[in-house]
Protein backbone atom coordinates (compact mmCIF):
# COMPACT_ATOMS: atom_id res chain seq x y z
CA MET A 1 -25.58 -70.98 20.48
CA SER A 2 -23.75 -68.36 18.45
CA ASP A 3 -20.62 -66.59 19.56
CA VAL A 4 -20.58 -62.85 18.93
CA ASP A 5 -17.23 -61.07 18.77
CA GLU A 6 -16.33 -57.65 20.19
CA GLN A 7 -17.46 -55.94 16.97
CA GLY A 8 -20.91 -57.57 17.18
CA ARG A 9 -20.29 -60.07 14.39
CA THR A 10 -21.67 -63.59 14.69
CA GLU A 11 -18.82 -66.07 14.32
CA PRO A 12 -19.39 -68.70 11.63
CA PRO A 13 -20.22 -72.09 13.16
CA LEU A 14 -17.35 -74.50 13.76
CA GLY A 15 -19.56 -77.45 12.99
CA GLY A 16 -22.77 -78.10 11.17
CA GLY A 17 -23.61 -78.69 7.57
CA GLU A 18 -22.76 -76.91 4.38
CA GLU A 19 -25.70 -74.51 4.59
CA ASP A 20 -24.89 -73.36 8.13
CA GLN A 21 -21.22 -72.87 7.38
CA LEU A 22 -21.49 -71.16 3.97
CA LEU A 23 -24.27 -68.81 5.06
CA GLY A 24 -22.47 -68.24 8.37
CA PHE A 25 -19.32 -67.12 6.58
CA LEU A 26 -21.29 -64.93 4.16
CA ASP A 27 -23.10 -63.21 7.03
CA TYR A 28 -19.81 -62.77 8.90
CA GLN A 29 -18.34 -60.98 5.87
CA ARG A 30 -21.49 -58.84 5.55
CA GLN A 31 -21.23 -57.91 9.22
CA THR A 32 -17.55 -57.04 8.75
CA LEU A 33 -18.41 -54.50 6.04
CA GLU A 34 -21.15 -53.08 8.26
CA TRP A 35 -18.70 -52.72 11.15
CA LYS A 36 -16.07 -51.03 8.97
CA CYS A 37 -18.62 -48.48 7.72
CA SER A 38 -20.47 -47.90 10.99
CA ARG A 39 -20.44 -44.83 13.26
CA LEU A 40 -19.14 -42.57 10.47
CA GLN A 41 -20.49 -39.27 9.17
CA ALA A 42 -21.05 -38.58 5.47
CA ASP A 43 -17.63 -36.96 4.95
CA ALA A 44 -15.90 -40.06 6.31
CA LEU A 45 -17.93 -42.33 4.02
CA ARG A 46 -16.71 -40.17 1.10
CA ALA A 47 -13.03 -40.21 2.14
CA THR A 48 -10.46 -41.78 -0.16
CA THR A 49 -6.91 -42.91 0.46
CA ALA A 50 -3.79 -42.96 -1.69
CA ALA A 51 -4.42 -42.89 -5.44
CA SER A 52 -7.76 -44.71 -5.27
CA ALA A 53 -11.18 -43.08 -5.61
CA MET A 54 -12.72 -45.93 -3.59
CA THR A 55 -14.77 -44.91 -0.53
CA LEU A 56 -16.56 -46.78 2.25
CA GLY A 57 -19.85 -45.34 0.99
CA GLY A 58 -18.99 -46.60 -2.48
CA LEU A 59 -18.31 -50.04 -1.02
CA LEU A 60 -21.75 -50.12 0.62
CA LYS A 61 -23.51 -49.12 -2.59
CA HIS A 62 -21.39 -51.43 -4.75
CA MET A 63 -22.07 -54.39 -2.48
CA ALA A 64 -25.80 -53.61 -2.55
CA PHE A 65 -25.56 -53.78 -6.34
CA VAL A 66 -23.57 -57.04 -6.23
CA GLU A 67 -26.06 -58.61 -3.79
CA ASN A 68 -28.94 -57.66 -6.08
CA HIS A 69 -27.11 -58.81 -9.19
CA TRP A 70 -26.32 -62.30 -7.92
CA PHE A 71 -29.29 -63.21 -5.73
CA ALA A 72 -32.18 -61.40 -7.46
CA ARG A 73 -31.17 -60.98 -11.07
CA SER A 74 -28.90 -63.96 -11.71
CA LEU A 75 -30.24 -66.60 -9.29
CA HIS A 76 -33.93 -65.77 -9.65
CA GLY A 77 -33.97 -64.00 -13.04
CA LEU A 78 -35.76 -60.98 -11.60
CA PRO A 79 -35.67 -57.66 -13.49
CA ALA A 80 -33.53 -54.78 -12.26
CA GLU A 81 -35.35 -52.59 -9.78
CA PRO A 82 -34.63 -49.11 -8.41
CA PRO A 83 -32.07 -47.70 -8.31
CA TRP A 84 -30.34 -50.17 -10.64
CA ASP A 85 -33.01 -50.12 -13.36
CA ALA A 86 -32.35 -46.48 -14.32
CA VAL A 87 -28.59 -46.85 -14.83
CA ASP A 88 -26.95 -46.96 -18.25
CA TRP A 89 -24.11 -49.24 -17.17
CA SER A 90 -22.44 -49.14 -20.60
CA ARG A 91 -22.03 -45.34 -20.30
CA ASP A 92 -21.31 -45.25 -16.56
CA PRO A 93 -19.87 -48.60 -15.38
CA ASP A 94 -18.80 -47.07 -12.05
CA TRP A 95 -22.20 -45.51 -11.31
CA ASP A 96 -22.60 -47.30 -7.98
CA TRP A 97 -19.18 -46.14 -6.79
CA ARG A 98 -19.50 -42.59 -8.13
CA THR A 99 -23.02 -41.79 -6.91
CA ALA A 100 -22.50 -42.98 -3.34
CA ALA A 101 -21.05 -39.55 -2.52
CA ASP A 102 -24.47 -38.02 -3.25
CA GLU A 103 -26.21 -40.05 -0.56
CA THR A 104 -26.38 -39.82 3.21
CA PRO A 105 -25.04 -42.57 5.47
CA GLU A 106 -28.65 -43.43 6.32
CA GLN A 107 -29.55 -43.84 2.64
CA LEU A 108 -26.47 -45.98 1.92
CA PHE A 109 -27.01 -48.26 4.91
CA ALA A 110 -30.74 -48.58 4.14
CA LEU A 111 -30.05 -49.56 0.52
CA TRP A 112 -27.41 -52.09 1.54
CA LYS A 113 -29.39 -53.58 4.45
CA ASN A 114 -32.62 -53.85 2.44
CA THR A 115 -30.74 -55.56 -0.37
CA VAL A 116 -29.07 -57.99 2.05
CA ASP A 117 -32.47 -58.80 3.59
CA THR A 118 -33.85 -59.51 0.11
CA SER A 119 -30.80 -61.65 -0.70
CA ARG A 120 -31.34 -63.71 2.45
CA ARG A 121 -35.00 -64.27 1.54
CA LEU A 122 -34.13 -65.22 -2.04
CA THR A 123 -31.39 -67.56 -0.81
CA ALA A 124 -33.87 -69.31 1.50
CA GLU A 125 -36.28 -69.71 -1.44
CA ALA A 126 -33.52 -71.21 -3.60
CA LEU A 127 -32.42 -73.56 -0.80
CA ALA A 128 -36.00 -74.80 -0.53
CA ASP A 129 -36.04 -75.28 -4.31
CA GLY A 130 -33.01 -77.47 -4.90
CA GLY A 131 -30.52 -76.53 -2.22
CA PHE A 132 -27.03 -75.37 -3.12
CA ASP A 133 -27.25 -77.34 -6.38
CA ARG A 134 -30.09 -75.10 -7.65
CA LEU A 135 -28.96 -73.44 -10.86
CA ALA A 136 -29.31 -69.72 -11.47
CA ASP A 137 -32.23 -68.76 -13.72
CA SER A 138 -29.98 -66.49 -15.78
CA SER A 139 -27.34 -68.24 -17.80
CA TRP A 140 -24.02 -67.00 -19.07
CA PRO A 141 -23.37 -66.36 -22.79
CA ASP A 142 -22.16 -69.94 -23.27
CA GLY A 143 -25.42 -71.31 -21.82
CA SER A 144 -23.97 -72.47 -18.51
CA ALA A 145 -25.25 -71.20 -15.18
CA PRO A 146 -23.72 -71.14 -11.72
CA ASN A 147 -25.44 -72.90 -8.89
CA LEU A 148 -26.33 -71.36 -5.52
CA ARG A 149 -23.18 -72.85 -3.98
CA TRP A 150 -20.99 -71.04 -6.53
CA ILE A 151 -22.89 -67.77 -6.03
CA THR A 152 -22.56 -68.02 -2.23
CA LEU A 153 -18.84 -68.78 -2.41
CA HIS A 154 -18.36 -65.94 -4.90
CA MET A 155 -20.14 -63.55 -2.54
CA ILE A 156 -17.93 -64.63 0.37
CA GLU A 157 -14.90 -63.91 -1.83
CA GLU A 158 -16.35 -60.57 -3.00
CA TYR A 159 -16.99 -59.39 0.55
CA ALA A 160 -13.63 -60.63 1.83
CA ARG A 161 -11.77 -58.81 -0.96
CA HIS A 162 -13.65 -55.56 -0.41
CA ASN A 163 -13.39 -55.86 3.37
CA GLY A 164 -9.62 -55.65 2.86
CA HIS A 165 -10.20 -52.34 1.09
CA ALA A 166 -12.52 -51.27 3.91
CA ASP A 167 -9.77 -52.03 6.45
CA LEU A 168 -7.40 -49.60 4.74
CA LEU A 169 -10.03 -46.91 4.27
CA ARG A 170 -11.28 -47.10 7.86
CA GLU A 171 -7.76 -46.99 9.29
CA SER A 172 -6.97 -43.90 7.20
CA ILE A 173 -10.13 -42.16 8.47
CA ASP A 174 -9.91 -42.65 12.23
CA GLY A 175 -7.21 -45.22 12.92
CA GLU A 176 -9.67 -48.03 13.73
CA THR A 177 -8.14 -51.38 12.87
CA GLY A 178 -9.05 -55.00 13.28
CA GLU A 179 -9.79 -58.00 11.14
């Protein structure tokens, strides 16, 4: 049985195997970002703080891009799909961050949630095809490739780092705090 905290996040399991724990922590971090960005209007998702141009909407769109990059493109070698396929990343490396202000909260959440759902499906496929030792289909310039374990741990780190940013942004918007 899963424990759900006061923000609606499923606590990672205290026991179980590697798969349950790693995927449990990744989903917990995903749910944290969702909580930090929830119940806000478009202007709040565009709000910045201090000297940074970072926004909660930008975080949602960026994390959708990162999910797609690691689980679809790197792990499974799939081609970029909309909206990522139309971006000239060399000319606009911050496209995901910058264009989030042009989208509604509903569009941002739909993009992020659909990408997370796809990532979960692709992770399940990879687990069935070699487990956490399954290598990514796309290799790095030196010919090496991360395995699913590395990608999952990297995604936990990526979410945890950006959830710290989300904490600051959310507190500056409406004072809501919490881990």
